């Protein structure tokens, strides 16, 4: 693909991202996406195959941007977890729940598979951070379940008339700590990383660490 083709594709992807962030899939037309990108309507089919394929490509682009932001994080495990959740909230607020959160049952299989792949990637990254040995089904179930809680709590938080961001961060981090501690009690074969142990033993706890990150 030449430079002009790459620029056209990128413009369509960005126009689709803005459109699908603001409205539901069925409310967006390919004509308006093409117009916003300054491209011909047929270019969507040429570059992506159709409107739904563009929708999938937008999802993938959002996920990759999210991962790029996470991989730039530095600091202790607790600091990166807190900042990482802040990035997640930024993406949800910017793009809405449709482009970030797991779609409901009955969604297109390709979209579900895409979300599942990135969710598995996030679970694997968290397990690498948390567990040094003795990884079991219990800790995988626990981490995956905690991610489901994060999505549910965030979706509910978005409906609040005056959402408190710091309070939500404290809630999900405390739930994450409790999840790890409960799983460790159920399966003593699990060995935590030194990073996770340090975070669990931090006397300030998730509430104070969250507040500190908000004011720094």
C-alpha atoms as a PDB file:
ATOM      1  CA  UNK A   1       0.000   0.000   0.000  1.00  0.00           C
ATOM      2  CA  UNK A   2       1.393   3.399  -0.967  1.00  0.00           C
ATOM      3  CA  UNK A   3       1.516   6.477   1.246  1.00  0.00           C
ATOM      4  CA  UNK A   4      -1.763   7.868  -0.069  1.00  0.00           C
ATOM      5  CA  UNK A   5      -3.499   4.556   0.598  1.00  0.00           C
ATOM      6  CA  UNK A   6      -2.126   4.394   4.136  1.00  0.00           C
ATOM      7  CA  UNK A   7      -3.267   7.947   4.820  1.00  0.00           C
ATOM      8  CA  UNK A   8      -6.750   7.208   3.458  1.00  0.00           C
ATOM      9  CA  UNK A   9      -7.053   4.100   5.599  1.00  0.00           C
ATOM     10  CA  UNK A  10      -5.860   5.926   8.720  1.00  0.00           C
ATOM     11  CA  UNK A  11      -8.337   8.773   8.100  1.00  0.00           C
ATOM     12  CA  UNK A  12     -11.226   6.319   7.739  1.00  0.00           C
ATOM     13  CA  UNK A  13     -10.166   4.515  10.891  1.00  0.00           C
ATOM     14  CA  UNK A  14     -10.056   7.758  12.863  1.00  0.00           C
ATOM     15  CA  UNK A  15     -13.412   8.909  11.473  1.00  0.00           C
ATOM     16  CA  UNK A  16     -14.930   5.557  12.379  1.00  0.00           C
ATOM     17  CA  UNK A  17     -13.453   5.765  15.838  1.00  0.00           C
ATOM     18  CA  UNK A  18     -15.072   9.129  16.484  1.00  0.00           C
ATOM     19  CA  UNK A  19     -18.408   8.039  15.062  1.00  0.00           C
ATOM     20  CA  UNK A  20     -18.639   4.706  16.893  1.00  0.00           C
ATOM     21  CA  UNK A  21     -17.502   6.328  20.146  1.00  0.00           C
ATOM     22  CA  UNK A  22     -20.459   8.719  20.041  1.00  0.00           C
ATOM     23  CA  UNK A  23     -23.243   6.481  18.732  1.00  0.00           C
ATOM     24  CA  UNK A  24     -24.349   2.906  18.327  1.00  0.00           C
ATOM     25  CA  UNK A  25     -23.229   0.915  15.309  1.00  0.00           C
ATOM     26  CA  UNK A  26     -26.610   1.010  13.577  1.00  0.00           C
ATOM     27  CA  UNK A  27     -26.814   4.800  13.968  1.00  0.00           C
ATOM     28  CA  UNK A  28     -23.645   5.370  11.948  1.00  0.00           C
ATOM     29  CA  UNK A  29     -23.588   5.315   8.143  1.00  0.00           C
ATOM     30  CA  UNK A  30     -20.641   4.601   5.907  1.00  0.00           C
ATOM     31  CA  UNK A  31     -21.446   7.765   3.971  1.00  0.00           C
ATOM     32  CA  UNK A  32     -20.864  10.004   6.981  1.00  0.00           C
ATOM     33  CA  UNK A  33     -17.664   8.169   7.919  1.00  0.00           C
ATOM     34  CA  UNK A  34     -16.331   8.588   4.389  1.00  0.00           C
ATOM     35  CA  UNK A  35     -17.321  12.259   4.344  1.00  0.00           C
ATOM     36  CA  UNK A  36     -15.617  12.903   7.689  1.00  0.00           C
ATOM     37  CA  UNK A  37     -12.473  11.226   6.384  1.00  0.00           C
ATOM     38  CA  UNK A  38     -12.588  13.100   3.092  1.00  0.00           C
ATOM     39  CA  UNK A  39     -12.733   9.818   1.205  1.00  0.00           C
ATOM     40  CA  UNK A  40     -15.022   8.087  -1.259  1.00  0.00           C
ATOM     41  CA  UNK A  41     -17.659   5.745   0.168  1.00  0.00           C
ATOM     42  CA  UNK A  42     -16.193   2.864  -1.809  1.00  0.00           C
ATOM     43  CA  UNK A  43     -12.852   3.283  -0.031  1.00  0.00           C
ATOM     44  CA  UNK A  44     -14.325   1.678   3.109  1.00  0.00           C
ATOM     45  CA  UNK A  45     -14.980  -1.506   1.181  1.00  0.00           C
ATOM     46  CA  UNK A  46     -11.566  -1.289  -0.470  1.00  0.00           C
ATOM     47  CA  UNK A  47      -9.597  -0.860   2.778  1.00  0.00           C
ATOM     48  CA  UNK A  48     -11.710  -2.848   5.225  1.00  0.00           C
ATOM     49  CA  UNK A  49     -14.256  -4.919   3.320  1.00  0.00           C
ATOM     50  CA  UNK A  50     -17.331  -3.120   4.654  1.00  0.00           C
ATOM     51  CA  UNK A  51     -18.836  -1.187   7.531  1.00  0.00           C
ATOM     52  CA  UNK A  52     -18.697  -4.014  10.067  1.00  0.00           C
ATOM     53  CA  UNK A  53     -15.100  -4.835   9.219  1.00  0.00           C
ATOM     54  CA  UNK A  54     -14.275  -1.171   9.800  1.00  0.00           C
ATOM     55  CA  UNK A  55     -16.063  -1.443  13.156  1.00  0.00           C
ATOM     56  CA  UNK A  56     -13.862  -4.410  14.085  1.00  0.00           C
ATOM     57  CA  UNK A  57     -10.775  -2.506  12.971  1.00  0.00           C
ATOM     58  CA  UNK A  58     -11.787   0.441  15.171  1.00  0.00           C
ATOM     59  CA  UNK A  59     -12.123  -1.904  18.158  1.00  0.00           C
ATOM     60  CA  UNK A  60      -8.681  -3.329  17.470  1.00  0.00           C
ATOM     61  CA  UNK A  61      -7.138   0.131  17.156  1.00  0.00           C
ATOM     62  CA  UNK A  62      -8.631   1.225  20.475  1.00  0.00           C
ATOM     63  CA  UNK A  63      -7.335  -1.915  22.184  1.00  0.00           C
ATOM     64  CA  UNK A  64      -3.848  -1.432  20.760  1.00  0.00           C
ATOM     65  CA  UNK A  65      -3.770   2.198  21.897  1.00  0.00           C
ATOM     66  CA  UNK A  66      -4.839   1.015  25.352  1.00  0.00           C
ATOM     67  CA  UNK A  67      -2.005  -1.540  25.437  1.00  0.00           C
ATOM     68  CA  UNK A  68       0.524   1.025  24.261  1.00  0.00           C
ATOM     69  CA  UNK A  69      -0.455   3.294  27.147  1.00  0.00           C
ATOM     70  CA  UNK A  70      -0.210   0.460  29.677  1.00  0.00           C
ATOM     71  CA  UNK A  71       3.231  -0.577  28.469  1.00  0.00           C
ATOM     72  CA  UNK A  72       4.545   2.940  29.040  1.00  0.00           C
ATOM     73  CA  UNK A  73       3.781   2.765  32.773  1.00  0.00           C
ATOM     74  CA  UNK A  74       6.626   2.722  35.282  1.00  0.00           C
ATOM     75  CA  UNK A  75       6.824   2.544  39.069  1.00  0.00           C
ATOM     76  CA  UNK A  76       5.771   0.033  41.708  1.00  0.00           C
ATOM     77  CA  UNK A  77       3.087  -2.583  41.107  1.00  0.00           C
ATOM     78  CA  UNK A  78       0.536  -0.545  43.046  1.00  0.00           C
ATOM     79  CA  UNK A  79       1.375   2.650  41.184  1.00  0.00           C
ATOM     80  CA  UNK A  80       1.105   0.950  37.804  1.00  0.00           C
ATOM     81  CA  UNK A  81      -2.159  -0.745  38.766  1.00  0.00           C
ATOM     82  CA  UNK A  82      -3.646   2.553  39.904  1.00  0.00           C
ATOM     83  CA  UNK A  83      -2.442   4.444  36.846  1.00  0.00           C
ATOM     84  CA  UNK A  84      -3.510   1.579  34.588  1.00  0.00           C
ATOM     85  CA  UNK A  85      -7.045   1.716  35.914  1.00  0.00           C
ATOM     86  CA  UNK A  86      -7.015   5.460  35.359  1.00  0.00           C
ATOM     87  CA  UNK A  87      -6.080   4.854  31.720  1.00  0.00           C
ATOM     88  CA  UNK A  88      -8.933   2.362  31.454  1.00  0.00           C
ATOM     89  CA  UNK A  89     -11.398   4.962  32.748  1.00  0.00           C
ATOM     90  CA  UNK A  90     -10.015   7.524  30.309  1.00  0.00           C
ATOM     91  CA  UNK A  91     -10.653   5.153  27.410  1.00  0.00           C
ATOM     92  CA  UNK A  92     -14.145   4.251  28.604  1.00  0.00           C
ATOM     93  CA  UNK A  93     -15.084   7.899  28.993  1.00  0.00           C
ATOM     94  CA  UNK A  94     -13.570   8.813  25.619  1.00  0.00           C
ATOM     95  CA  UNK A  95     -14.926   5.904  23.587  1.00  0.00           C
ATOM     96  CA  UNK A  96     -17.952   4.739  25.561  1.00  0.00           C
ATOM     97  CA  UNK A  97     -18.553   1.236  26.809  1.00  0.00           C
ATOM     98  CA  UNK A  98     -19.126  -0.291  23.362  1.00  0.00           C
ATOM     99  CA  UNK A  99     -15.506  -0.061  22.201  1.00  0.00           C
ATOM    100  CA  UNK A 100     -13.845  -1.181  25.433  1.00  0.00           C
ATOM    101  CA  UNK A 101     -16.117  -3.421  27.484  1.00  0.00           C
ATOM    102  CA  UNK A 102     -16.971  -7.035  26.743  1.00  0.00           C
ATOM    103  CA  UNK A 103     -20.033  -7.180  24.450  1.00  0.00           C
ATOM    104  CA  UNK A 104     -23.145  -8.905  25.651  1.00  0.00           C
ATOM    105  CA  UNK A 105     -23.992 -12.458  24.710  1.00  0.00           C
ATOM    106  CA  UNK A 106     -25.459 -12.673  21.236  1.00  0.00           C
ATOM    107  CA  UNK A 107     -22.960 -10.284  19.693  1.00  0.00           C
ATOM    108  CA  UNK A 108     -21.156 -11.200  16.500  1.00  0.00           C
ATOM    109  CA  UNK A 109     -18.697 -14.060  17.035  1.00  0.00           C
ATOM    110  CA  UNK A 110     -15.835 -12.094  15.496  1.00  0.00           C
ATOM    111  CA  UNK A 111     -16.351  -9.234  17.941  1.00  0.00           C
ATOM    112  CA  UNK A 112     -16.626 -11.608  20.901  1.00  0.00           C
ATOM    113  CA  UNK A 113     -13.448 -13.403  19.838  1.00  0.00           C
ATOM    114  CA  UNK A 114     -11.621 -10.085  19.544  1.00  0.00           C
ATOM    115  CA  UNK A 115     -12.615  -9.030  23.050  1.00  0.00           C
ATOM    116  CA  UNK A 116     -11.817 -12.486  24.424  1.00  0.00           C
ATOM    117  CA  UNK A 117      -8.328 -12.357  22.945  1.00  0.00           C
ATOM    118  CA  UNK A 118      -7.553  -9.012  24.558  1.00  0.00           C
ATOM    119  CA  UNK A 119      -9.132 -10.067  27.855  1.00  0.00           C
ATOM    120  CA  UNK A 120      -6.942 -13.194  27.899  1.00  0.00           C
ATOM    121  CA  UNK A 121      -3.970 -10.976  27.171  1.00  0.00           C
ATOM    122  CA  UNK A 122      -4.829  -8.756  30.135  1.00  0.00           C
ATOM    123  CA  UNK A 123      -5.369 -11.753  32.445  1.00  0.00           C
ATOM    124  CA  UNK A 124      -1.973 -13.132  31.403  1.00  0.00           C
ATOM    125  CA  UNK A 125      -0.296  -9.769  32.064  1.00  0.00           C
ATOM    126  CA  UNK A 126      -1.892  -9.508  35.508  1.00  0.00           C
ATOM    127  CA  UNK A 127      -0.915 -13.076  36.404  1.00  0.00           C
ATOM    128  CA  UNK A 128       2.684 -12.347  35.418  1.00  0.00           C
ATOM    129  CA  UNK A 129       2.563  -9.376  37.756  1.00  0.00           C
ATOM    130  CA  UNK A 130       0.914 -11.267  40.636  1.00  0.00           C
ATOM    131  CA  UNK A 131       2.156 -14.868  40.597  1.00  0.00           C
ATOM    132  CA  UNK A 132       5.755 -16.129  40.547  1.00  0.00           C
ATOM    133  CA  UNK A 133       4.925 -19.839  40.958  1.00  0.00           C
ATOM    134  CA  UNK A 134       2.001 -22.193  41.466  1.00  0.00           C
ATOM    135  CA  UNK A 135      -0.309 -20.619  38.908  1.00  0.00           C
ATOM    136  CA  UNK A 136      -3.599 -22.524  39.105  1.00  0.00           C
ATOM    137  CA  UNK A 137      -7.098 -22.405  37.702  1.00  0.00           C
ATOM    138  CA  UNK A 138      -8.213 -20.737  40.930  1.00  0.00           C
ATOM    139  CA  UNK A 139      -6.094 -17.633  40.419  1.00  0.00           C
ATOM    140  CA  UNK A 140      -7.037 -17.449  36.733  1.00  0.00           C
ATOM    141  CA  UNK A 141     -10.726 -17.631  37.596  1.00  0.00           C
ATOM    142  CA  UNK A 142     -10.225 -15.042  40.329  1.00  0.00           C
ATOM    143  CA  UNK A 143      -8.439 -12.544  38.085  1.00  0.00           C
ATOM    144  CA  UNK A 144     -10.929 -13.012  35.260  1.00  0.00           C
ATOM    145  CA  UNK A 145     -13.787 -12.579  37.723  1.00  0.00           C
ATOM    146  CA  UNK A 146     -12.225  -9.416  39.109  1.00  0.00           C
ATOM    147  CA  UNK A 147     -12.026  -7.973  35.589  1.00  0.00           C
ATOM    148  CA  UNK A 148     -15.740  -8.703  35.175  1.00  0.00           C
ATOM    149  CA  UNK A 149     -16.355  -6.843  38.440  1.00  0.00           C
ATOM    150  CA  UNK A 150     -14.295  -3.891  37.176  1.00  0.00           C
ATOM    151  CA  UNK A 151     -16.401  -3.700  34.013  1.00  0.00           C
ATOM    152  CA  UNK A 152     -19.671  -3.963  35.913  1.00  0.00           C
ATOM    153  CA  UNK A 153     -18.686  -1.393  38.531  1.00  0.00           C
ATOM    154  CA  UNK A 154     -17.456   1.007  35.853  1.00  0.00           C
ATOM    155  CA  UNK A 155     -20.638   0.656  33.797  1.00  0.00           C
ATOM    156  CA  UNK A 156     -22.717   1.416  36.884  1.00  0.00           C
ATOM    157  CA  UNK A 157     -20.442   4.315  37.831  1.00  0.00           C
ATOM    158  CA  UNK A 158     -20.987   5.906  34.423  1.00  0.00           C
ATOM    159  CA  UNK A 159     -24.719   6.181  35.165  1.00  0.00           C
ATOM    160  CA  UNK A 160     -24.163   8.138  38.382  1.00  0.00           C
ATOM    161  CA  UNK A 161     -25.179  11.829  38.194  1.00  0.00           C
ATOM    162  CA  UNK A 162     -21.944  12.903  39.898  1.00  0.00           C
ATOM    163  CA  UNK A 163     -19.458  10.023  39.467  1.00  0.00           C
ATOM    164  CA  UNK A 164     -16.579   9.996  41.961  1.00  0.00           C
ATOM    165  CA  UNK A 165     -13.502   8.729  40.093  1.00  0.00           C
ATOM    166  CA  UNK A 166     -11.264   8.331  43.154  1.00  0.00           C
ATOM    167  CA  UNK A 167     -13.961   6.381  44.981  1.00  0.00           C
ATOM    168  CA  UNK A 168     -14.355   3.963  42.070  1.00  0.00           C
ATOM    169  CA  UNK A 169     -10.587   3.450  41.891  1.00  0.00           C
ATOM    170  CA  UNK A 170     -10.448   2.701  45.604  1.00  0.00           C
ATOM    171  CA  UNK A 171     -13.332   0.256  45.283  1.00  0.00           C
ATOM    172  CA  UNK A 172     -11.886  -1.776  42.421  1.00  0.00           C
ATOM    173  CA  UNK A 173      -8.360  -1.818  43.878  1.00  0.00           C
ATOM    174  CA  UNK A 174      -9.646  -2.969  47.269  1.00  0.00           C
ATOM    175  CA  UNK A 175     -11.667  -5.676  45.525  1.00  0.00           C
ATOM    176  CA  UNK A 176      -8.549  -6.747  43.642  1.00  0.00           C
ATOM    177  CA  UNK A 177      -6.538  -7.019  46.845  1.00  0.00           C
ATOM    178  CA  UNK A 178      -9.305  -9.015  48.525  1.00  0.00           C
ATOM    179  CA  UNK A 179      -9.537 -11.313  45.503  1.00  0.00           C
ATOM    180  CA  UNK A 180      -5.816 -12.115  45.620  1.00  0.00           C
ATOM    181  CA  UNK A 181      -5.842 -12.659  49.391  1.00  0.00           C
ATOM    182  CA  UNK A 182      -8.887 -14.934  49.276  1.00  0.00           C
ATOM    183  CA  UNK A 183      -7.452 -16.987  46.419  1.00  0.00           C
ATOM    184  CA  UNK A 184      -4.148 -17.364  48.253  1.00  0.00           C
ATOM    185  CA  UNK A 185      -6.003 -18.671  51.321  1.00  0.00           C
ATOM    186  CA  UNK A 186      -7.880 -21.191  49.164  1.00  0.00           C
ATOM    187  CA  UNK A 187      -4.784 -22.325  47.276  1.00  0.00           C
ATOM    188  CA  UNK A 188      -1.591 -22.036  49.391  1.00  0.00           C
ATOM    189  CA  UNK A 189       0.477 -23.467  46.517  1.00  0.00           C
ATOM    190  CA  UNK A 190       0.382 -20.057  44.858  1.00  0.00           C
ATOM    191  CA  UNK A 191       3.540 -18.004  45.329  1.00  0.00           C
ATOM    192  CA  UNK A 192       3.148 -14.279  44.930  1.00  0.00           C
ATOM    193  CA  UNK A 193       5.760 -12.045  43.333  1.00  0.00           C
ATOM    194  CA  UNK A 194       7.736  -9.727  45.582  1.00  0.00           C
ATOM    195  CA  UNK A 195       5.967  -6.802  43.875  1.00  0.00           C
ATOM    196  CA  UNK A 196       2.549  -8.111  44.874  1.00  0.00           C
ATOM    197  CA  UNK A 197       3.666  -8.910  48.418  1.00  0.00           C
ATOM    198  CA  UNK A 198       5.008  -5.378  48.818  1.00  0.00           C
ATOM    199  CA  UNK A 199       1.699  -3.948  47.615  1.00  0.00           C
ATOM    200  CA  UNK A 200      -0.310  -6.187  49.971  1.00  0.00           C
ATOM    201  CA  UNK A 201       1.877  -5.207  52.927  1.00  0.00           C
ATOM    202  CA  UNK A 202       1.781  -1.485  52.144  1.00  0.00           C
ATOM    203  CA  UNK A 203       0.314   0.059  55.333  1.00  0.00           C
ATOM    204  CA  UNK A 204      -1.241   2.944  53.411  1.00  0.00           C
ATOM    205  CA  UNK A 205      -3.557   0.591  51.499  1.00  0.00           C
ATOM    206  CA  UNK A 206      -5.272   1.147  48.149  1.00  0.00           C
ATOM    207  CA  UNK A 207      -7.399   4.075  49.331  1.00  0.00           C
ATOM    208  CA  UNK A 208      -4.447   6.265  50.269  1.00  0.00           C
ATOM    209  CA  UNK A 209      -2.384   5.193  47.276  1.00  0.00           C
ATOM    210  CA  UNK A 210      -5.252   6.104  44.962  1.00  0.00           C
ATOM    211  CA  UNK A 211      -5.639   9.520  46.571  1.00  0.00           C
ATOM    212  CA  UNK A 212      -1.915  10.086  46.311  1.00  0.00           C
ATOM    213  CA  UNK A 213      -1.907   9.277  42.595  1.00  0.00           C
ATOM    214  CA  UNK A 214      -4.867  11.622  42.026  1.00  0.00           C
ATOM    215  CA  UNK A 215      -3.023  14.576  43.582  1.00  0.00           C
ATOM    216  CA  UNK A 216       0.439  13.904  42.145  1.00  0.00           C
END
